[in-house]
Amino acid sequence: MLTEYCIKLPDEPGQMATLCEALAEKGVNLMTACALTATGAVVAIVTEDPKSTMEVLDGFGHEYHTNDVLQISVPHKPGSLAAISRTMGNAGINISSLYIMAKDEDTAIIAFTVDDTEAAREMI
């Protein structure tokens, strides 16, 4: 299972580089990542190596939390994401984060975190 790590960083030059360098030194490969700023910075990364990732983050000194990541393969065509989003919404499942992990001409792999992992897992 993949894990999402949401890390609160100071909104300062070099913070992302420091985080990525520390992960690279442990051999952690990022499957996907995004960074946003509002008040401070939040970096969300998805990795396949929870042990090494947590060792880096625990030593990094910044607050973080984790979420289980679910993946689904959908047809790569207009409306596919709308359909899965609507199905989850109708079931009362809130999507917290979403990533397009991979795609080719026919298929897209969507990864997401939700507020009810078990219910979503049963749906997919």
PDB file of N, CA and C in Angstrom:
ATOM      1  N   MET A   1       0.838  -1.177   0.000  1.00  0.00           N
ATOM      2  CA  MET A   1       0.000   0.000   0.000  1.00  0.00           C
ATOM      3  C   MET A   1       0.881   1.238   0.000  1.00  0.00           C
ATOM      4  N   LEU A   2       0.473   2.234  -0.737  1.00  0.00           N
ATOM      5  CA  LEU A   2       1.165   3.516  -0.753  1.00  0.00           C
ATOM      6  C   LEU A   2       0.699   4.361   0.425  1.00  0.00           C
ATOM      7  N   THR A   3       1.534   5.292   0.834  1.00  0.00           N
ATOM      8  CA  THR A   3       1.192   6.197   1.927  1.00  0.00           C
ATOM      9  C   THR A   3       1.443   7.629   1.502  1.00  0.00           C
ATOM     10  N   GLU A   4       0.507   8.505   1.851  1.00  0.00           N
ATOM     11  CA  GLU A   4       0.671   9.937   1.630  1.00  0.00           C
ATOM     12  C   GLU A   4       1.191  10.554   2.924  1.00  0.00           C
ATOM     13  N   TYR A   5       2.170  11.420   2.795  1.00  0.00           N
ATOM     14  CA  TYR A   5       2.733  12.161   3.919  1.00  0.00           C
ATOM     15  C   TYR A   5       2.498  13.635   3.645  1.00  0.00           C
ATOM     16  N   CYS A   6       1.821  14.330   4.535  1.00  0.00           N
ATOM     17  CA  CYS A   6       1.602  15.777   4.410  1.00  0.00           C
ATOM     18  C   CYS A   6       2.501  16.463   5.421  1.00  0.00           C
ATOM     19  N   ILE A   7       3.467  17.218   4.935  1.00  0.00           N
ATOM     20  CA  ILE A   7       4.506  17.807   5.776  1.00  0.00           C
ATOM     21  C   ILE A   7       4.336  19.320   5.793  1.00  0.00           C
ATOM     22  N   LYS A   8       4.280  19.905   6.989  1.00  0.00           N
ATOM     23  CA  LYS A   8       4.226  21.365   7.119  1.00  0.00           C
ATOM     24  C   LYS A   8       5.645  21.898   7.136  1.00  0.00           C
ATOM     25  N   LEU A   9       5.946  22.772   6.195  1.00  0.00           N
ATOM     26  CA  LEU A   9       7.272  23.378   6.085  1.00  0.00           C
ATOM     27  C   LEU A   9       7.156  24.893   6.171  1.00  0.00           C
ATOM     28  N   PRO A  10       8.229  25.560   6.576  1.00  0.00           N
ATOM     29  CA  PRO A  10       8.239  27.019   6.454  1.00  0.00           C
ATOM     30  C   PRO A  10       8.184  27.391   4.967  1.00  0.00           C
ATOM     31  N   ASP A  11       7.504  28.461   4.648  1.00  0.00           N
ATOM     32  CA  ASP A  11       7.404  28.925   3.264  1.00  0.00           C
ATOM     33  C   ASP A  11       8.644  29.757   2.951  1.00  0.00           C
ATOM     34  N   GLU A  12       9.774  29.054   2.776  1.00  0.00           N
ATOM     35  CA  GLU A  12      11.070  29.698   2.576  1.00  0.00           C
ATOM     36  C   GLU A  12      11.845  28.987   1.472  1.00  0.00           C
ATOM     37  N   PRO A  13      12.684  29.711   0.750  1.00  0.00           N
ATOM     38  CA  PRO A  13      13.514  29.093  -0.279  1.00  0.00           C
ATOM     39  C   PRO A  13      14.377  27.969   0.298  1.00  0.00           C
ATOM     40  N   GLY A  14      14.468  26.869  -0.427  1.00  0.00           N
ATOM     41  CA  GLY A  14      15.344  25.766  -0.051  1.00  0.00           C
ATOM     42  C   GLY A  14      14.702  24.687   0.795  1.00  0.00           C
ATOM     43  N   GLN A  15      13.508  24.933   1.330  1.00  0.00           N
ATOM     44  CA  GLN A  15      12.869  23.936   2.195  1.00  0.00           C
ATOM     45  C   GLN A  15      12.532  22.657   1.424  1.00  0.00           C
ATOM     46  N   MET A  16      11.981  22.801   0.219  1.00  0.00           N
ATOM     47  CA  MET A  16      11.655  21.634  -0.603  1.00  0.00           C
ATOM     48  C   MET A  16      12.925  20.873  -0.959  1.00  0.00           C
ATOM     49  N   ALA A  17      13.972  21.586  -1.315  1.00  0.00           N
ATOM     50  CA  ALA A  17      15.242  20.937  -1.669  1.00  0.00           C
ATOM     51  C   ALA A  17      15.787  20.142  -0.492  1.00  0.00           C
ATOM     52  N   THR A  18      15.745  20.714   0.699  1.00  0.00           N
ATOM     53  CA  THR A  18      16.250  20.021   1.888  1.00  0.00           C
ATOM     54  C   THR A  18      15.472  18.737   2.137  1.00  0.00           C
ATOM     55  N   LEU A  19      14.147  18.802   2.025  1.00  0.00           N
ATOM     56  CA  LEU A  19      13.316  17.615   2.210  1.00  0.00           C
ATOM     57  C   LEU A  19      13.644  16.558   1.162  1.00  0.00           C
ATOM     58  N   CYS A  20      13.672  16.950  -0.105  1.00  0.00           N
ATOM     59  CA  CYS A  20      13.920  15.988  -1.188  1.00  0.00           C
ATOM     60  C   CYS A  20      15.316  15.387  -1.109  1.00  0.00           C
ATOM     61  N   GLU A  21      16.300  16.181  -0.721  1.00  0.00           N
ATOM     62  CA  GLU A  21      17.662  15.658  -0.562  1.00  0.00           C
ATOM     63  C   GLU A  21      17.721  14.621   0.554  1.00  0.00           C
ATOM     64  N   ALA A  22      17.045  14.887   1.668  1.00  0.00           N
ATOM     65  CA  ALA A  22      17.039  13.938   2.786  1.00  0.00           C
ATOM     66  C   ALA A  22      16.367  12.631   2.387  1.00  0.00           C
ATOM     67  N   LEU A  23      15.274  12.710   1.647  1.00  0.00           N
ATOM     68  CA  LEU A  23      14.595  11.499   1.180  1.00  0.00           C
ATOM     69  C   LEU A  23      15.482  10.736   0.197  1.00  0.00           C
ATOM     70  N   ALA A  24      16.133  11.445  -0.706  1.00  0.00           N
ATOM     71  CA  ALA A  24      17.010  10.805  -1.693  1.00  0.00           C
ATOM     72  C   ALA A  24      18.174  10.095  -1.022  1.00  0.00           C
ATOM     73  N   GLU A  25      18.729  10.703   0.022  1.00  0.00           N
ATOM     74  CA  GLU A  25      19.842  10.070   0.745  1.00  0.00           C
ATOM     75  C   GLU A  25      19.436   8.729   1.344  1.00  0.00           C
ATOM     76  N   LYS A  26      18.155   8.564   1.682  1.00  0.00           N
ATOM     77  CA  LYS A  26      17.636   7.299   2.216  1.00  0.00           C
ATOM     78  C   LYS A  26      17.160   6.373   1.103  1.00  0.00           C
ATOM     79  N   GLY A  27      17.263   6.817  -0.145  1.00  0.00           N
ATOM     80  CA  GLY A  27      16.836   5.997  -1.269  1.00  0.00           C
ATOM     81  C   GLY A  27      15.333   5.985  -1.485  1.00  0.00           C
ATOM     82  N   VAL A  28      14.620   6.973  -0.939  1.00  0.00           N
ATOM     83  CA  VAL A  28      13.166   7.040  -1.088  1.00  0.00           C
ATOM     84  C   VAL A  28      12.831   7.678  -2.431  1.00  0.00           C
ATOM     85  N   ASN A  29      12.087   6.948  -3.258  1.00  0.00           N
ATOM     86  CA  ASN A  29      11.649   7.445  -4.553  1.00  0.00           C
ATOM     87  C   ASN A  29      10.239   7.994  -4.416  1.00  0.00           C
ATOM     88  N   LEU A  30      10.025   9.228  -4.841  1.00  0.00           N
ATOM     89  CA  LEU A  30       8.694   9.818  -4.791  1.00  0.00           C
ATOM     90  C   LEU A  30       7.862   9.288  -5.949  1.00  0.00           C
ATOM     91  N   MET A  31       6.688   8.780  -5.641  1.00  0.00           N
ATOM     92  CA  MET A  31       5.769   8.323  -6.669  1.00  0.00           C
ATOM     93  C   MET A  31       5.028   9.517  -7.278  1.00  0.00           C
ATOM     94  N   THR A  32       4.718  10.496  -6.435  1.00  0.00           N
ATOM     95  CA  THR A  32       4.104  11.750  -6.855  1.00  0.00           C
ATOM     96  C   THR A  32       4.252  12.733  -5.706  1.00  0.00           C
ATOM     97  N   ALA A  33       4.097  13.997  -6.000  1.00  0.00           N
ATOM     98  CA  ALA A  33       4.206  15.022  -4.959  1.00  0.00           C
ATOM     99  C   ALA A  33       3.507  16.283  -5.427  1.00  0.00           C
ATOM    100  N   CYS A  34       3.089  17.087  -4.466  1.00  0.00           N
ATOM    101  CA  CYS A  34       2.590  18.420  -4.769  1.00  0.00           C
ATOM    102  C   CYS A  34       2.915  19.313  -3.583  1.00  0.00           C
ATOM    103  N   ALA A  35       3.018  20.591  -3.842  1.00  0.00           N
ATOM    104  CA  ALA A  35       3.314  21.555  -2.785  1.00  0.00           C
ATOM    105  C   ALA A  35       2.407  22.760  -2.965  1.00  0.00           C
ATOM    106  N   LEU A  36       1.893  23.252  -1.852  1.00  0.00           N
ATOM    107  CA  LEU A  36       0.995  24.401  -1.867  1.00  0.00           C
ATOM    108  C   LEU A  36       1.398  25.362  -0.771  1.00  0.00           C
ATOM    109  N   THR A  37       1.133  26.626  -0.985  1.00  0.00           N
ATOM    110  CA  THR A  37       1.350  27.601   0.077  1.00  0.00           C
ATOM    111  C   THR A  37       0.058  28.360   0.324  1.00  0.00           C
ATOM    112  N   ALA A  38      -0.180  28.653   1.553  1.00  0.00           N
ATOM    113  CA  ALA A  38      -1.289  29.510   1.979  1.00  0.00           C
ATOM    114  C   ALA A  38      -0.764  30.237   3.197  1.00  0.00           C
ATOM    115  N   THR A  39      -0.836  29.600   4.332  1.00  0.00           N
ATOM    116  CA  THR A  39      -0.137  30.085   5.521  1.00  0.00           C
ATOM    117  C   THR A  39       0.917  29.038   5.808  1.00  0.00           C
ATOM    118  N   GLY A  40       2.141  29.311   5.446  1.00  0.00           N
ATOM    119  CA  GLY A  40       3.182  28.296   5.490  1.00  0.00           C
ATOM    120  C   GLY A  40       3.115  27.488   4.215  1.00  0.00           C
ATOM    121  N   ALA A  41       3.764  26.367   4.207  1.00  0.00           N
ATOM    122  CA  ALA A  41       3.766  25.490   3.039  1.00  0.00           C
ATOM    123  C   ALA A  41       3.366  24.096   3.475  1.00  0.00           C
ATOM    124  N   VAL A  42       2.649  23.406   2.614  1.00  0.00           N
ATOM    125  CA  VAL A  42       2.316  22.007   2.841  1.00  0.00           C
ATOM    126  C   VAL A  42       2.801  21.239   1.627  1.00  0.00           C
ATOM    127  N   VAL A  43       3.582  20.207   1.875  1.00  0.00           N
ATOM    128  CA  VAL A  43       4.070  19.332   0.823  1.00  0.00           C
ATOM    129  C   VAL A  43       3.435  17.972   1.035  1.00  0.00           C
ATOM    130  N   ALA A  44       2.808  17.438   0.009  1.00  0.00           N
ATOM    131  CA  ALA A  44       2.240  16.097   0.075  1.00  0.00           C
ATOM    132  C   ALA A  44       3.050  15.212  -0.859  1.00  0.00           C
ATOM    133  N   ILE A  45       3.566  14.115  -0.320  1.00  0.00           N
ATOM    134  CA  ILE A  45       4.342  13.165  -1.117  1.00  0.00           C
ATOM    135  C   ILE A  45       3.730  11.784  -0.958  1.00  0.00           C
ATOM    136  N   VAL A  46       3.885  10.959  -1.961  1.00  0.00           N
ATOM    137  CA  VAL A  46       3.440   9.569  -1.908  1.00  0.00           C
ATOM    138  C   VAL A  46       4.649   8.713  -2.213  1.00  0.00           C
ATOM    139  N   THR A  47       4.937   7.753  -1.321  1.00  0.00           N
ATOM    140  CA  THR A  47       6.098   6.882  -1.499  1.00  0.00           C
ATOM    141  C   THR A  47       5.698   5.423  -1.309  1.00  0.00           C
ATOM    142  N   GLU A  48       6.604   4.534  -1.705  1.00  0.00           N
ATOM    143  CA  GLU A  48       6.413   3.097  -1.518  1.00  0.00           C
ATOM    144  C   GLU A  48       7.246   2.556  -0.364  1.00  0.00           C
ATOM    145  N   ASP A  49       7.973   3.408   0.334  1.00  0.00           N
ATOM    146  CA  ASP A  49       8.917   2.966   1.364  1.00  0.00           C
ATOM    147  C   ASP A  49       8.604   3.657   2.692  1.00  0.00           C
ATOM    148  N   PRO A  50       7.581   3.167   3.425  1.00  0.00           N
ATOM    149  CA  PRO A  50       7.172   3.853   4.644  1.00  0.00           C
ATOM    150  C   PRO A  50       8.267   3.932   5.704  1.00  0.00           C
ATOM    151  N   LYS A  51       9.047   2.883   5.873  1.00  0.00           N
ATOM    152  CA  LYS A  51      10.071   2.872   6.926  1.00  0.00           C
ATOM    153  C   LYS A  51      11.097   3.981   6.701  1.00  0.00           C
ATOM    154  N   SER A  52      11.688   4.029   5.523  1.00  0.00           N
ATOM    155  CA  SER A  52      12.704   5.047   5.237  1.00  0.00           C
ATOM    156  C   SER A  52      12.112   6.447   5.219  1.00  0.00           C
ATOM    157  N   THR A  53      10.913   6.575   4.660  1.00  0.00           N
ATOM    158  CA  THR A  53      10.280   7.890   4.613  1.00  0.00           C
ATOM    159  C   THR A  53      10.046   8.423   6.021  1.00  0.00           C
ATOM    160  N   MET A  54       9.520   7.585   6.902  1.00  0.00           N
ATOM    161  CA  MET A  54       9.246   8.035   8.267  1.00  0.00           C
ATOM    162  C   MET A  54      10.536   8.324   9.032  1.00  0.00           C
ATOM    163  N   GLU A  55      11.601   7.566   8.773  1.00  0.00           N
ATOM    164  CA  GLU A  55      12.892   7.857   9.407  1.00  0.00           C
ATOM    165  C   GLU A  55      13.363   9.261   9.022  1.00  0.00           C
ATOM    166  N   VAL A  56      13.238   9.592   7.739  1.00  0.00           N
ATOM    167  CA  VAL A  56      13.644  10.922   7.274  1.00  0.00           C
ATOM    168  C   VAL A  56      12.764  11.993   7.910  1.00  0.00           C
ATOM    169  N   LEU A  57      11.462  11.810   7.839  1.00  0.00           N
ATOM    170  CA  LEU A  57      10.547  12.835   8.337  1.00  0.00           C
ATOM    171  C   LEU A  57      10.631  13.000   9.851  1.00  0.00           C
ATOM    172  N   ASP A  58      10.820  11.897  10.574  1.00  0.00           N
ATOM    173  CA  ASP A  58      10.958  11.995  12.033  1.00  0.00           C
ATOM    174  C   ASP A  58      12.190  12.808  12.413  1.00  0.00           C
ATOM    175  N   GLY A  59      13.255  12.703  11.624  1.00  0.00           N
ATOM    176  CA  GLY A  59      14.473  13.449  11.895  1.00  0.00           C
ATOM    177  C   GLY A  59      14.479  14.847  11.309  1.00  0.00           C
ATOM    178  N   PHE A  60      13.493  15.152  10.495  1.00  0.00           N
ATOM    179  CA  PHE A  60      13.448  16.414   9.772  1.00  0.00           C
ATOM    180  C   PHE A  60      12.984  17.571  10.648  1.00  0.00           C
ATOM    181  N   GLY A  61      12.216  17.262  11.687  1.00  0.00           N
ATOM    182  CA  GLY A  61      11.813  18.293  12.633  1.00  0.00           C
ATOM    183  C   GLY A  61      10.579  19.098  12.278  1.00  0.00           C
ATOM    184  N   HIS A  62       9.834  18.676  11.272  1.00  0.00           N
ATOM    185  CA  HIS A  62       8.608  19.383  10.902  1.00  0.00           C
ATOM    186  C   HIS A  62       7.414  18.463  11.130  1.00  0.00           C
ATOM    187  N   GLU A  63       6.296  19.071  11.483  1.00  0.00           N
ATOM    188  CA  GLU A  63       5.067  18.317  11.716  1.00  0.00           C
ATOM    189  C   GLU A  63       4.603  17.654  10.414  1.00  0.00           C
ATOM    190  N   TYR A  64       4.107  16.406  10.531  1.00  0.00           N
ATOM    191  CA  TYR A  64       3.520  15.734   9.372  1.00  0.00           C
ATOM    192  C   TYR A  64       2.465  14.742   9.835  1.00  0.00           C
ATOM    193  N   HIS A  65       1.625  14.328   8.920  1.00  0.00           N
ATOM    194  CA  HIS A  65       0.686  13.243   9.194  1.00  0.00           C
ATOM    195  C   HIS A  65       0.606  12.360   7.950  1.00  0.00           C
ATOM    196  N   THR A  66       0.086  11.152   8.131  1.00  0.00           N
ATOM    197  CA  THR A  66       0.011  10.196   7.030  1.00  0.00           C
ATOM    198  C   THR A  66      -1.444   9.835   6.736  1.00  0.00           C
ATOM    199  N   ASN A  67      -1.660   9.392   5.514  1.00  0.00           N
ATOM    200  CA  ASN A  67      -2.965   8.901   5.078  1.00  0.00           C
ATOM    201  C   ASN A  67      -2.746   7.695   4.176  1.00  0.00           C
ATOM    202  N   ASP A  68      -3.615   6.699   4.291  1.00  0.00           N
ATOM    203  CA  ASP A  68      -3.580   5.584   3.355  1.00  0.00           C
ATOM    204  C   ASP A  68      -4.016   6.087   1.983  1.00  0.00           C
ATOM    205  N   VAL A  69      -3.371   5.575   0.951  1.00  0.00           N
ATOM    206  CA  VAL A  69      -3.677   5.970  -0.420  1.00  0.00           C
ATOM    207  C   VAL A  69      -4.321   4.789  -1.137  1.00  0.00           C
ATOM    208  N   LEU A  70      -5.454   5.029  -1.744  1.00  0.00           N
ATOM    209  CA  LEU A  70      -6.128   4.021  -2.556  1.00  0.00           C
ATOM    210  C   LEU A  70      -5.873   4.343  -4.022  1.00  0.00           C
ATOM    211  N   GLN A  71      -5.784   3.296  -4.845  1.00  0.00           N
ATOM    212  CA  GLN A  71      -5.568   3.506  -6.281  1.00  0.00           C
ATOM    213  C   GLN A  71      -6.658   2.804  -7.067  1.00  0.00           C
ATOM    214  N   ILE A  72      -7.033   3.418  -8.169  1.00  0.00           N
ATOM    215  CA  ILE A  72      -8.018   2.817  -9.052  1.00  0.00           C
ATOM    216  C   ILE A  72      -7.587   3.076 -10.494  1.00  0.00           C
ATOM    217  N   SER A  73      -7.811   2.104 -11.330  1.00  0.00           N
ATOM    218  CA  SER A  73      -7.535   2.234 -12.753  1.00  0.00           C
ATOM    219  C   SER A  73      -8.857   2.557 -13.449  1.00  0.00           C
ATOM    220  N   VAL A  74      -8.862   3.623 -14.233  1.00  0.00           N
ATOM    221  CA  VAL A  74     -10.081   4.049 -14.926  1.00  0.00           C
ATOM    222  C   VAL A  74      -9.767   4.265 -16.398  1.00  0.00           C
ATOM    223  N   PRO A  75     -10.784   4.219 -17.255  1.00  0.00           N
ATOM    224  CA  PRO A  75     -10.550   4.551 -18.659  1.00  0.00           C
ATOM    225  C   PRO A  75     -10.045   5.989 -18.770  1.00  0.00           C
ATOM    226  N   HIS A  76      -9.048   6.199 -19.625  1.00  0.00           N
ATOM    227  CA  HIS A  76      -8.506   7.548 -19.829  1.00  0.00           C
ATOM    228  C   HIS A  76      -9.362   8.257 -20.865  1.00  0.00           C
ATOM    229  N   LYS A  77     -10.478   8.785 -20.374  1.00  0.00           N
ATOM    230  CA  LYS A  77     -11.399   9.493 -21.256  1.00  0.00           C
ATOM    231  C   LYS A  77     -12.176  10.509 -20.425  1.00  0.00           C
ATOM    232  N   PRO A  78     -12.744  11.514 -21.060  1.00  0.00           N
ATOM    233  CA  PRO A  78     -13.510  12.515 -20.329  1.00  0.00           C
ATOM    234  C   PRO A  78     -14.629  11.868 -19.508  1.00  0.00           C
ATOM    235  N   GLY A  79     -14.757  12.304 -18.271  1.00  0.00           N
ATOM    236  CA  GLY A  79     -15.836  11.829 -17.411  1.00  0.00           C
ATOM    237  C   GLY A  79     -15.467  10.718 -16.454  1.00  0.00           C
ATOM    238  N   SER A  80     -14.319  10.069 -16.641  1.00  0.00           N
ATOM    239  CA  SER A  80     -13.951   8.958 -15.753  1.00  0.00           C
ATOM    240  C   SER A  80     -13.753   9.424 -14.316  1.00  0.00           C
ATOM    241  N   LEU A  81     -13.016  10.508 -14.136  1.00  0.00           N
ATOM    242  CA  LEU A  81     -12.805  11.029 -12.787  1.00  0.00           C
ATOM    243  C   LEU A  81     -14.116  11.564 -12.213  1.00  0.00           C
ATOM    244  N   ALA A  82     -14.925  12.172 -13.050  1.00  0.00           N
ATOM    245  CA  ALA A  82     -16.229  12.660 -12.593  1.00  0.00           C
ATOM    246  C   ALA A  82     -17.080  11.506 -12.074  1.00  0.00           C
ATOM    247  N   ALA A  83     -17.051  10.377 -12.772  1.00  0.00           N
ATOM    248  CA  ALA A  83     -17.873   9.229 -12.379  1.00  0.00           C
ATOM    249  C   ALA A  83     -17.445   8.661 -11.026  1.00  0.00           C
ATOM    250  N   ILE A  84     -16.143   8.447 -10.833  1.00  0.00           N
ATOM    251  CA  ILE A  84     -15.685   7.886  -9.560  1.00  0.00           C
ATOM    252  C   ILE A  84     -15.906   8.890  -8.433  1.00  0.00           C
ATOM    253  N   SER A  85     -15.713  10.179  -8.718  1.00  0.00           N
ATOM    254  CA  SER A  85     -15.944  11.215  -7.706  1.00  0.00           C
ATOM    255  C   SER A  85     -17.414  11.269  -7.307  1.00  0.00           C
ATOM    256  N   ARG A  86     -18.303  11.189  -8.280  1.00  0.00           N
ATOM    257  CA  ARG A  86     -19.739  11.223  -8.001  1.00  0.00           C
ATOM    258  C   ARG A  86     -20.160   9.988  -7.213  1.00  0.00           C
ATOM    259  N   THR A  87     -19.651   8.817  -7.591  1.00  0.00           N
ATOM    260  CA  THR A  87     -19.987   7.586  -6.876  1.00  0.00           C
ATOM    261  C   THR A  87     -19.589   7.700  -5.408  1.00  0.00           C
ATOM    262  N   MET A  88     -18.388   8.195  -5.161  1.00  0.00           N
ATOM    263  CA  MET A  88     -17.939   8.349  -3.776  1.00  0.00           C
ATOM    264  C   MET A  88     -18.757   9.410  -3.051  1.00  0.00           C
ATOM    265  N   GLY A  89     -19.009  10.524  -3.707  1.00  0.00           N
ATOM    266  CA  GLY A  89     -19.804  11.579  -3.087  1.00  0.00           C
ATOM    267  C   GLY A  89     -21.199  11.104  -2.725  1.00  0.00           C
ATOM    268  N   ASN A  90     -21.822  10.359  -3.625  1.00  0.00           N
ATOM    269  CA  ASN A  90     -23.161   9.833  -3.353  1.00  0.00           C
ATOM    270  C   ASN A  90     -23.162   8.857  -2.185  1.00  0.00           C
ATOM    271  N   ALA A  91     -22.026   8.196  -1.951  1.00  0.00           N
ATOM    272  CA  ALA A  91     -21.902   7.256  -0.829  1.00  0.00           C
ATOM    273  C   ALA A  91     -21.477   7.972   0.458  1.00  0.00           C
ATOM    274  N   GLY A  92     -21.324   9.295   0.392  1.00  0.00           N
ATOM    275  CA  GLY A  92     -20.935  10.050   1.580  1.00  0.00           C
ATOM    276  C   GLY A  92     -19.454  10.004   1.882  1.00  0.00           C
ATOM    277  N   ILE A  93     -18.649   9.605   0.894  1.00  0.00           N
ATOM    278  CA  ILE A  93     -17.195   9.523   1.075  1.00  0.00           C
ATOM    279  C   ILE A  93     -16.576  10.811   0.540  1.00  0.00           C
ATOM    280  N   ASN A  94     -15.820  11.494   1.391  1.00  0.00           N
ATOM    281  CA  ASN A  94     -15.173  12.739   0.991  1.00  0.00           C
ATOM    282  C   ASN A  94     -13.750  12.461   0.505  1.00  0.00           C
ATOM    283  N   ILE A  95     -13.410  12.936  -0.678  1.00  0.00           N
ATOM    284  CA  ILE A  95     -12.057  12.803  -1.215  1.00  0.00           C
ATOM    285  C   ILE A  95     -11.221  13.948  -0.657  1.00  0.00           C
ATOM    286  N   SER A  96     -10.140  13.598   0.047  1.00  0.00           N
ATOM    287  CA  SER A  96      -9.277  14.600   0.675  1.00  0.00           C
ATOM    288  C   SER A  96      -8.161  15.059  -0.249  1.00  0.00           C
ATOM    289  N   SER A  97      -7.584  14.125  -0.992  1.00  0.00           N
ATOM    290  CA  SER A  97      -6.532  14.469  -1.948  1.00  0.00           C
ATOM    291  C   SER A  97      -6.597  13.498  -3.111  1.00  0.00           C
ATOM    292  N   LEU A  98      -6.038  13.932  -4.235  1.00  0.00           N
ATOM    293  CA  LEU A  98      -6.146  13.155  -5.464  1.00  0.00           C
ATOM    294  C   LEU A  98      -4.896  13.361  -6.297  1.00  0.00           C
ATOM    295  N   TYR A  99      -4.412  12.282  -6.881  1.00  0.00           N
ATOM    296  CA  TYR A  99      -3.225  12.333  -7.737  1.00  0.00           C
ATOM    297  C   TYR A  99      -3.486  11.499  -8.985  1.00  0.00           C
ATOM    298  N   ILE A 100      -3.036  11.963 -10.129  1.00  0.00           N
ATOM    299  CA  ILE A 100      -2.995  11.119 -11.315  1.00  0.00           C
ATOM    300  C   ILE A 100      -1.593  10.529 -11.329  1.00  0.00           C
ATOM    301  N   MET A 101      -1.506   9.227 -11.082  1.00  0.00           N
ATOM    302  CA  MET A 101      -0.216   8.559 -10.905  1.00  0.00           C
ATOM    303  C   MET A 101       0.430   8.195 -12.234  1.00  0.00           C
ATOM    304  N   ALA A 102      -0.388   7.762 -13.174  1.00  0.00           N
ATOM    305  CA  ALA A 102       0.132   7.338 -14.473  1.00  0.00           C
ATOM    306  C   ALA A 102      -1.028   7.333 -15.455  1.00  0.00           C
ATOM    307  N   LYS A 103      -0.681   7.445 -16.703  1.00  0.00           N
ATOM    308  CA  LYS A 103      -1.711   7.332 -17.725  1.00  0.00           C
ATOM    309  C   LYS A 103      -1.057   6.935 -19.034  1.00  0.00           C
ATOM    310  N   ASP A 104      -1.830   6.255 -19.825  1.00  0.00           N
ATOM    311  CA  ASP A 104      -1.421   5.988 -21.192  1.00  0.00           C
ATOM    312  C   ASP A 104      -2.621   6.335 -22.066  1.00  0.00           C
ATOM    313  N   GLU A 105      -2.619   5.881 -23.275  1.00  0.00           N
ATOM    314  CA  GLU A 105      -3.689   6.244 -24.194  1.00  0.00           C
ATOM    315  C   GLU A 105      -5.056   5.748 -23.735  1.00  0.00           C
ATOM    316  N   ASP A 106      -5.093   4.590 -23.057  1.00  0.00           N
ATOM    317  CA  ASP A 106      -6.368   3.965 -22.707  1.00  0.00           C
ATOM    318  C   ASP A 106      -6.738   4.015 -21.228  1.00  0.00           C
ATOM    319  N   THR A 107      -5.752   4.105 -20.340  1.00  0.00           N
ATOM    320  CA  THR A 107      -5.997   3.934 -18.909  1.00  0.00           C
ATOM    321  C   THR A 107      -5.288   5.008 -18.096  1.00  0.00           C
ATOM    322  N   ALA A 108      -5.932   5.420 -17.019  1.00  0.00           N
ATOM    323  CA  ALA A 108      -5.308   6.325 -16.049  1.00  0.00           C
ATOM    324  C   ALA A 108      -5.365   5.659 -14.678  1.00  0.00           C
ATOM    325  N   ILE A 109      -4.313   5.821 -13.902  1.00  0.00           N
ATOM    326  CA  ILE A 109      -4.301   5.325 -12.532  1.00  0.00           C
ATOM    327  C   ILE A 109      -4.452   6.538 -11.622  1.00  0.00           C
ATOM    328  N   ILE A 110      -5.532   6.531 -10.857  1.00  0.00           N
ATOM    329  CA  ILE A 110      -5.852   7.624  -9.958  1.00  0.00           C
ATOM    330  C   ILE A 110      -5.596   7.154  -8.531  1.00  0.00           C
ATOM    331  N   ALA A 111      -4.883   7.958  -7.767  1.00  0.00           N
ATOM    332  CA  ALA A 111      -4.653   7.674  -6.349  1.00  0.00           C
ATOM    333  C   ALA A 111      -5.351   8.760  -5.547  1.00  0.00           C
ATOM    334  N   PHE A 112      -5.951   8.359  -4.429  1.00  0.00           N
ATOM    335  CA  PHE A 112      -6.658   9.341  -3.631  1.00  0.00           C
ATOM    336  C   PHE A 112      -6.675   8.942  -2.167  1.00  0.00           C
ATOM    337  N   THR A 113      -6.867   9.942  -1.306  1.00  0.00           N
ATOM    338  CA  THR A 113      -7.108   9.702   0.110  1.00  0.00           C
ATOM    339  C   THR A 113      -8.527  10.167   0.395  1.00  0.00           C
ATOM    340  N   VAL A 114      -9.165   9.484   1.326  1.00  0.00           N
ATOM    341  CA  VAL A 114     -10.569   9.757   1.635  1.00  0.00           C
ATOM    342  C   VAL A 114     -10.785   9.744   3.143  1.00  0.00           C
ATOM    343  N   ASP A 115     -11.969  10.201   3.553  1.00  0.00           N
ATOM    344  CA  ASP A 115     -12.277  10.220   4.980  1.00  0.00           C
ATOM    345  C   ASP A 115     -12.778   8.879   5.500  1.00  0.00           C
ATOM    346  N   ASP A 116     -13.117   7.939   4.622  1.00  0.00           N
ATOM    347  CA  ASP A 116     -13.567   6.603   5.033  1.00  0.00           C
ATOM    348  C   ASP A 116     -12.908   5.575   4.117  1.00  0.00           C
ATOM    349  N   THR A 117     -11.682   5.208   4.479  1.00  0.00           N
ATOM    350  CA  THR A 117     -10.877   4.319   3.640  1.00  0.00           C
ATOM    351  C   THR A 117     -11.556   2.972   3.417  1.00  0.00           C
ATOM    352  N   GLU A 118     -12.128   2.391   4.466  1.00  0.00           N
ATOM    353  CA  GLU A 118     -12.748   1.066   4.333  1.00  0.00           C
ATOM    354  C   GLU A 118     -13.937   1.095   3.374  1.00  0.00           C
ATOM    355  N   ALA A 119     -14.795   2.087   3.491  1.00  0.00           N
ATOM    356  CA  ALA A 119     -15.950   2.187   2.593  1.00  0.00           C
ATOM    357  C   ALA A 119     -15.492   2.377   1.149  1.00  0.00           C
ATOM    358  N   ALA A 120     -14.481   3.208   0.946  1.00  0.00           N
ATOM    359  CA  ALA A 120     -13.967   3.432  -0.408  1.00  0.00           C
ATOM    360  C   ALA A 120     -13.321   2.169  -0.951  1.00  0.00           C
ATOM    361  N   ARG A 121     -12.586   1.453  -0.114  1.00  0.00           N
ATOM    362  CA  ARG A 121     -11.933   0.217  -0.543  1.00  0.00           C
ATOM    363  C   ARG A 121     -12.979  -0.799  -1.006  1.00  0.00           C
ATOM    364  N   GLU A 122     -14.096  -0.879  -0.307  1.00  0.00           N
ATOM    365  CA  GLU A 122     -15.168  -1.798  -0.710  1.00  0.00           C
ATOM    366  C   GLU A 122     -15.770  -1.398  -2.053  1.00  0.00           C
ATOM    367  N   MET A 123     -15.820  -0.099  -2.326  1.00  0.00           N
ATOM    368  CA  MET A 123     -16.390   0.377  -3.589  1.00  0.00           C
ATOM    369  C   MET A 123     -15.510   0.033  -4.780  1.00  0.00           C
ATOM    370  N   ILE A 124     -14.186   0.085  -4.561  1.00  0.00           N
ATOM    371  CA  ILE A 124     -13.296  -0.127  -5.690  1.00  0.00           C
ATOM    372  C   ILE A 124     -12.825  -1.558  -5.719  1.00  0.00           C
TER     373      ILE A 124
END
